[in-house]
Amino acid sequence: MMNSNNSGMNGWMGGGMWGWTVIGTLLVVLLVVAIIKLAKK
């Protein structure tokens, strides 16, 4: 993902903060799911 910085990612990075918002939301969801799974153990 990091290797394609100059090709595909460059235009996406310039698209604004919405991309980081989506990534942040996904990370939070993954953390919540992981915590729930650990709690059920």
PDB file of N, CA and C in Angstrom:
ATOM      1  N   MET A   1       0.837  -1.197   0.000  1.00  0.00           N
ATOM      2  CA  MET A   1       0.000   0.000   0.000  1.00  0.00           C
ATOM      3  C   MET A   1       0.875   1.252   0.000  1.00  0.00           C
ATOM      4  N   MET A   2       1.970   1.216   0.751  1.00  0.00           N
ATOM      5  CA  MET A   2       2.845   2.378   0.824  1.00  0.00           C
ATOM      6  C   MET A   2       3.673   2.541  -0.452  1.00  0.00           C
ATOM      7  N   ASN A   3       3.891   1.451  -1.182  1.00  0.00           N
ATOM      8  CA  ASN A   3       4.742   1.519  -2.363  1.00  0.00           C
ATOM      9  C   ASN A   3       4.076   2.261  -3.514  1.00  0.00           C
ATOM     10  N   SER A   4       2.751   2.352  -3.499  1.00  0.00           N
ATOM     11  CA  SER A   4       2.034   2.990  -4.602  1.00  0.00           C
ATOM     12  C   SER A   4       1.721   4.456  -4.279  1.00  0.00           C
ATOM     13  N   ASN A   5       2.610   5.088  -3.528  1.00  0.00           N
ATOM     14  CA  ASN A   5       2.372   6.473  -3.105  1.00  0.00           C
ATOM     15  C   ASN A   5       2.298   7.418  -4.290  1.00  0.00           C
ATOM     16  N   ASN A   6       3.157   7.239  -5.278  1.00  0.00           N
ATOM     17  CA  ASN A   6       3.241   8.186  -6.389  1.00  0.00           C
ATOM     18  C   ASN A   6       2.249   7.858  -7.494  1.00  0.00           C
ATOM     19  N   SER A   7       1.643   6.683  -7.467  1.00  0.00           N
ATOM     20  CA  SER A   7       0.741   6.314  -8.564  1.00  0.00           C
ATOM     21  C   SER A   7      -0.724   6.482  -8.147  1.00  0.00           C
ATOM     22  N   GLY A   8      -1.294   5.481  -7.537  1.00  0.00           N
ATOM     23  CA  GLY A   8      -2.725   5.519  -7.246  1.00  0.00           C
ATOM     24  C   GLY A   8      -3.053   6.284  -5.981  1.00  0.00           C
ATOM     25  N   MET A   9      -2.189   6.182  -4.965  1.00  0.00           N
ATOM     26  CA  MET A   9      -2.503   6.773  -3.675  1.00  0.00           C
ATOM     27  C   MET A   9      -2.428   8.295  -3.710  1.00  0.00           C
ATOM     28  N   ASN A  10      -1.641   8.854  -4.632  1.00  0.00           N
ATOM     29  CA  ASN A  10      -1.418  10.301  -4.647  1.00  0.00           C
ATOM     30  C   ASN A  10      -2.720  11.052  -4.862  1.00  0.00           C
ATOM     31  N   GLY A  11      -3.511  10.644  -5.842  1.00  0.00           N
ATOM     32  CA  GLY A  11      -4.775  11.304  -6.112  1.00  0.00           C
ATOM     33  C   GLY A  11      -5.750  11.107  -4.965  1.00  0.00           C
ATOM     34  N   TRP A  12      -5.706   9.927  -4.329  1.00  0.00           N
ATOM     35  CA  TRP A  12      -6.614   9.635  -3.220  1.00  0.00           C
ATOM     36  C   TRP A  12      -6.274  10.487  -2.003  1.00  0.00           C
ATOM     37  N   MET A  13      -4.972  10.655  -1.760  1.00  0.00           N
ATOM     38  CA  MET A  13      -4.538  11.435  -0.608  1.00  0.00           C
ATOM     39  C   MET A  13      -4.953  12.887  -0.764  1.00  0.00           C
ATOM     40  N   GLY A  14      -5.024  13.385  -2.005  1.00  0.00           N
ATOM     41  CA  GLY A  14      -5.393  14.763  -2.253  1.00  0.00           C
ATOM     42  C   GLY A  14      -6.905  14.966  -2.259  1.00  0.00           C
ATOM     43  N   GLY A  15      -7.654  13.908  -2.020  1.00  0.00           N
ATOM     44  CA  GLY A  15      -9.112  13.996  -2.074  1.00  0.00           C
ATOM     45  C   GLY A  15      -9.715  14.629  -0.841  1.00  0.00           C
ATOM     46  N   GLY A  16      -8.917  14.849   0.184  1.00  0.00           N
ATOM     47  CA  GLY A  16      -9.434  15.490   1.391  1.00  0.00           C
ATOM     48  C   GLY A  16      -9.360  14.582   2.609  1.00  0.00           C
ATOM     49  N   MET A  17     -10.021  15.003   3.657  1.00  0.00           N
ATOM     50  CA  MET A  17      -9.930  14.302   4.935  1.00  0.00           C
ATOM     51  C   MET A  17     -10.926  13.153   5.048  1.00  0.00           C
ATOM     52  N   TRP A  18     -11.827  13.033   4.087  1.00  0.00           N
ATOM     53  CA  TRP A  18     -12.856  11.977   4.192  1.00  0.00           C
ATOM     54  C   TRP A  18     -12.210  10.603   4.231  1.00  0.00           C
ATOM     55  N   GLY A  19     -11.094  10.440   3.502  1.00  0.00           N
ATOM     56  CA  GLY A  19     -10.396   9.147   3.483  1.00  0.00           C
ATOM     57  C   GLY A  19      -9.886   8.781   4.858  1.00  0.00           C
ATOM     58  N   TRP A  20      -9.305   9.754   5.556  1.00  0.00           N
ATOM     59  CA  TRP A  20      -8.801   9.478   6.906  1.00  0.00           C
ATOM     60  C   TRP A  20      -9.948   9.220   7.863  1.00  0.00           C
ATOM     61  N   THR A  21     -11.084   9.878   7.615  1.00  0.00           N
ATOM     62  CA  THR A  21     -12.257   9.641   8.474  1.00  0.00           C
ATOM     63  C   THR A  21     -12.739   8.208   8.328  1.00  0.00           C
ATOM     64  N   VAL A  22     -12.760   7.710   7.080  1.00  0.00           N
ATOM     65  CA  VAL A  22     -13.189   6.329   6.839  1.00  0.00           C
ATOM     66  C   VAL A  22     -12.222   5.359   7.498  1.00  0.00           C
ATOM     67  N   ILE A  23     -10.916   5.610   7.330  1.00  0.00           N
ATOM     68  CA  ILE A  23      -9.911   4.723   7.926  1.00  0.00           C
ATOM     69  C   ILE A  23     -10.037   4.729   9.444  1.00  0.00           C
ATOM     70  N   GLY A  24     -10.216   5.908  10.018  1.00  0.00           N
ATOM     71  CA  GLY A  24     -10.356   6.003  11.472  1.00  0.00           C
ATOM     72  C   GLY A  24     -11.571   5.246  11.970  1.00  0.00           C
ATOM     73  N   THR A  25     -12.686   5.378  11.243  1.00  0.00           N
ATOM     74  CA  THR A  25     -13.903   4.672  11.643  1.00  0.00           C
ATOM     75  C   THR A  25     -13.700   3.168  11.584  1.00  0.00           C
ATOM     76  N   LEU A  26     -13.043   2.703  10.508  1.00  0.00           N
ATOM     77  CA  LEU A  26     -12.801   1.259  10.368  1.00  0.00           C
ATOM     78  C   LEU A  26     -11.909   0.755  11.491  1.00  0.00           C
ATOM     79  N   LEU A  27     -10.888   1.524  11.854  1.00  0.00           N
ATOM     80  CA  LEU A  27      -9.988   1.116  12.929  1.00  0.00           C
ATOM     81  C   LEU A  27     -10.743   1.022  14.248  1.00  0.00           C
ATOM     82  N   VAL A  28     -11.618   1.989  14.514  1.00  0.00           N
ATOM     83  CA  VAL A  28     -12.391   1.965  15.758  1.00  0.00           C
ATOM     84  C   VAL A  28     -13.295   0.740  15.796  1.00  0.00           C
ATOM     85  N   VAL A  29     -13.945   0.445  14.666  1.00  0.00           N
ATOM     86  CA  VAL A  29     -14.834  -0.715  14.606  1.00  0.00           C
ATOM     87  C   VAL A  29     -14.044  -1.996  14.863  1.00  0.00           C
ATOM     88  N   LEU A  30     -12.865  -2.095  14.244  1.00  0.00           N
ATOM     89  CA  LEU A  30     -12.038  -3.291  14.432  1.00  0.00           C
ATOM     90  C   LEU A  30     -11.607  -3.425  15.886  1.00  0.00           C
ATOM     91  N   LEU A  31     -11.268  -2.318  16.514  1.00  0.00           N
ATOM     92  CA  LEU A  31     -10.862  -2.357  17.929  1.00  0.00           C
ATOM     93  C   LEU A  31     -12.022  -2.809  18.801  1.00  0.00           C
ATOM     94  N   VAL A  32     -13.217  -2.288  18.533  1.00  0.00           N
ATOM     95  CA  VAL A  32     -14.386  -2.674  19.331  1.00  0.00           C
ATOM     96  C   VAL A  32     -14.668  -4.162  19.170  1.00  0.00           C
ATOM     97  N   VAL A  33     -14.602  -4.649  17.937  1.00  0.00           N
ATOM     98  CA  VAL A  33     -14.849  -6.074  17.690  1.00  0.00           C
ATOM     99  C   VAL A  33     -13.810  -6.924  18.403  1.00  0.00           C
ATOM    100  N   ALA A  34     -12.555  -6.504  18.348  1.00  0.00           N
ATOM    101  CA  ALA A  34     -11.481  -7.268  19.011  1.00  0.00           C
ATOM    102  C   ALA A  34     -11.701  -7.293  20.514  1.00  0.00           C
ATOM    103  N   ILE A  35     -12.083  -6.153  21.101  1.00  0.00           N
ATOM    104  CA  ILE A  35     -12.317  -6.094  22.550  1.00  0.00           C
ATOM    105  C   ILE A  35     -13.476  -7.003  22.928  1.00  0.00           C
ATOM    106  N   ILE A  36     -14.551  -6.982  22.126  1.00  0.00           N
ATOM    107  CA  ILE A  36     -15.718  -7.817  22.432  1.00  0.00           C
ATOM    108  C   ILE A  36     -15.322  -9.300  22.371  1.00  0.00           C
ATOM    109  N   LYS A  37     -14.526  -9.664  21.349  1.00  0.00           N
ATOM    110  CA  LYS A  37     -14.117 -11.063  21.220  1.00  0.00           C
ATOM    111  C   LYS A  37     -13.245 -11.470  22.409  1.00  0.00           C
ATOM    112  N   LEU A  38     -12.345 -10.589  22.829  1.00  0.00           N
ATOM    113  CA  LEU A  38     -11.486 -10.902  23.974  1.00  0.00           C
ATOM    114  C   LEU A  38     -12.300 -10.990  25.252  1.00  0.00           C
ATOM    115  N   ALA A  39     -13.306 -10.145  25.380  1.00  0.00           N
ATOM    116  CA  ALA A  39     -14.137 -10.146  26.581  1.00  0.00           C
ATOM    117  C   ALA A  39     -14.965 -11.427  26.667  1.00  0.00           C
ATOM    118  N   LYS A  40     -15.388 -11.930  25.503  1.00  0.00           N
ATOM    119  CA  LYS A  40     -16.200 -13.148  25.520  1.00  0.00           C
ATOM    120  C   LYS A  40     -15.371 -14.372  25.884  1.00  0.00           C
ATOM    121  N   LYS A  41     -14.056 -14.281  25.643  1.00  0.00           N
ATOM    122  CA  LYS A  41     -13.194 -15.413  26.002  1.00  0.00           C
ATOM    123  C   LYS A  41     -13.119 -15.507  27.518  1.00  0.00           C
TER     124      LYS A  41
END
